[in-house]
Amino acid sequence: MQKAIIISLGVLIGIAGILTIGAHLAAATQLALYEPDEEDENEARSK
């Protein structure tokens, strides 16, 4: 029984790690592919 609990915890930690890595990669990709609109660039220059 104790072995099953340890395995279950390991699986849950592994899934959480994979989801965390996926979210990080998605955010990094979104930042890397971000292209500001021309309006955003004009507003940034005027400030």
N, C-alpha and C. Protein backbone atom coordinates (compact mmCIF):
# COMPACT_ATOMS: atom_id res chain seq x y z
N MET A 1 0.82 -1.20 0.00
CA MET A 1 0.00 0.00 0.00
C MET A 1 0.87 1.26 0.00
N GLN A 2 1.92 1.24 0.81
CA GLN A 2 2.80 2.40 0.90
C GLN A 2 3.49 2.64 -0.44
N LYS A 3 3.84 1.56 -1.13
CA LYS A 3 4.50 1.69 -2.43
C LYS A 3 3.57 2.36 -3.44
N ALA A 4 2.29 2.04 -3.40
CA ALA A 4 1.32 2.65 -4.31
C ALA A 4 1.18 4.15 -4.05
N ILE A 5 1.22 4.54 -2.79
CA ILE A 5 1.14 5.97 -2.45
C ILE A 5 2.36 6.71 -2.98
N ILE A 6 3.52 6.13 -2.81
CA ILE A 6 4.76 6.77 -3.28
C ILE A 6 4.74 6.89 -4.81
N ILE A 7 4.29 5.85 -5.48
CA ILE A 7 4.21 5.90 -6.95
C ILE A 7 3.20 6.96 -7.39
N SER A 8 2.05 7.01 -6.71
CA SER A 8 1.03 8.01 -7.05
C SER A 8 1.56 9.42 -6.86
N LEU A 9 2.28 9.66 -5.78
CA LEU A 9 2.87 10.98 -5.55
C LEU A 9 3.90 11.31 -6.62
N GLY A 10 4.69 10.36 -6.99
CA GLY A 10 5.68 10.58 -8.05
C GLY A 10 5.03 10.93 -9.37
N VAL A 11 3.95 10.22 -9.69
CA VAL A 11 3.23 10.51 -10.94
C VAL A 11 2.63 11.90 -10.90
N LEU A 12 2.02 12.28 -9.77
CA LEU A 12 1.42 13.61 -9.65
C LEU A 12 2.48 14.71 -9.75
N ILE A 13 3.61 14.51 -9.11
CA ILE A 13 4.69 15.50 -9.18
C ILE A 13 5.22 15.59 -10.60
N GLY A 14 5.34 14.46 -11.28
CA GLY A 14 5.80 14.45 -12.66
C GLY A 14 4.84 15.18 -13.58
N ILE A 15 3.56 14.94 -13.42
CA ILE A 15 2.55 15.62 -14.25
C ILE A 15 2.58 17.12 -13.97
N ALA A 16 2.69 17.50 -12.72
CA ALA A 16 2.74 18.93 -12.37
C ALA A 16 3.98 19.57 -13.00
N GLY A 17 5.10 18.86 -12.99
CA GLY A 17 6.31 19.39 -13.60
C GLY A 17 6.17 19.57 -15.10
N ILE A 18 5.56 18.60 -15.75
CA ILE A 18 5.36 18.68 -17.20
C ILE A 18 4.44 19.85 -17.54
N LEU A 19 3.37 20.02 -16.75
CA LEU A 19 2.46 21.14 -17.00
C LEU A 19 3.15 22.48 -16.76
N THR A 20 4.00 22.55 -15.76
CA THR A 20 4.74 23.78 -15.48
C THR A 20 5.69 24.12 -16.61
N ILE A 21 6.41 23.12 -17.09
CA ILE A 21 7.32 23.33 -18.22
C ILE A 21 6.54 23.76 -19.46
N GLY A 22 5.42 23.12 -19.71
CA GLY A 22 4.59 23.48 -20.86
C GLY A 22 4.09 24.92 -20.78
N ALA A 23 3.66 25.34 -19.60
CA ALA A 23 3.19 26.71 -19.43
C ALA A 23 4.32 27.71 -19.62
N HIS A 24 5.49 27.36 -19.13
CA HIS A 24 6.65 28.25 -19.29
C HIS A 24 7.02 28.37 -20.77
N LEU A 25 7.03 27.26 -21.48
CA LEU A 25 7.36 27.30 -22.91
C LEU A 25 6.32 28.07 -23.69
N ALA A 26 5.05 27.93 -23.33
CA ALA A 26 4.00 28.66 -24.01
C ALA A 26 4.15 30.17 -23.80
N ALA A 27 4.47 30.56 -22.58
CA ALA A 27 4.65 31.99 -22.29
C ALA A 27 5.88 32.53 -23.01
N ALA A 28 6.96 31.75 -23.05
CA ALA A 28 8.17 32.19 -23.73
C ALA A 28 7.93 32.30 -25.23
N THR A 29 7.18 31.37 -25.79
CA THR A 29 6.86 31.42 -27.21
C THR A 29 6.00 32.63 -27.53
N GLN A 30 5.04 32.90 -26.67
CA GLN A 30 4.16 34.05 -26.88
C GLN A 30 4.97 35.34 -26.85
N LEU A 31 5.93 35.45 -25.93
CA LEU A 31 6.77 36.64 -25.88
C LEU A 31 7.66 36.73 -27.11
N ALA A 32 8.20 35.61 -27.54
CA ALA A 32 9.12 35.61 -28.68
C ALA A 32 8.40 35.96 -29.97
N LEU A 33 7.15 35.58 -30.09
CA LEU A 33 6.39 35.82 -31.32
C LEU A 33 5.57 37.09 -31.28
N TYR A 34 5.65 37.82 -30.19
CA TYR A 34 4.83 39.03 -30.02
C TYR A 34 5.28 40.11 -31.00
N GLU A 35 4.33 40.61 -31.77
CA GLU A 35 4.60 41.71 -32.69
C GLU A 35 3.66 42.84 -32.33
N PRO A 36 4.17 43.92 -31.80
CA PRO A 36 3.29 45.02 -31.41
C PRO A 36 2.62 45.66 -32.62
N ASP A 37 1.41 46.11 -32.43
CA ASP A 37 0.71 46.81 -33.50
C ASP A 37 1.38 48.16 -33.75
N GLU A 38 1.11 48.73 -34.90
CA GLU A 38 1.69 50.03 -35.22
C GLU A 38 1.21 51.09 -34.23
N GLU A 39 -0.03 50.97 -33.77
CA GLU A 39 -0.55 51.92 -32.80
C GLU A 39 0.22 51.84 -31.50
N ASP A 40 0.55 50.61 -31.06
CA ASP A 40 1.32 50.43 -29.83
C ASP A 40 2.69 51.07 -29.97
N GLU A 41 3.34 50.92 -31.12
CA GLU A 41 4.67 51.49 -31.31
C GLU A 41 4.60 53.01 -31.28
N ASN A 42 3.57 53.58 -31.90
CA ASN A 42 3.43 55.04 -31.91
C ASN A 42 3.19 55.57 -30.51
N GLU A 43 2.40 54.89 -29.72
CA GLU A 43 2.14 55.31 -28.34
C GLU A 43 3.40 55.23 -27.51
N ALA A 44 4.20 54.19 -27.71
CA ALA A 44 5.43 54.03 -26.94
C ALA A 44 6.42 55.14 -27.29
N ARG A 45 6.47 55.52 -28.55
CA ARG A 45 7.41 56.58 -28.97
C ARG A 45 7.00 57.95 -28.45
N SER A 46 5.69 58.17 -28.33
CA SER A 46 5.22 59.49 -27.91
C SER A 46 5.37 59.70 -26.41
N LYS A 47 5.58 58.64 -25.65
CA LYS A 47 5.70 58.77 -24.18
C LYS A 47 7.08 59.17 -23.77
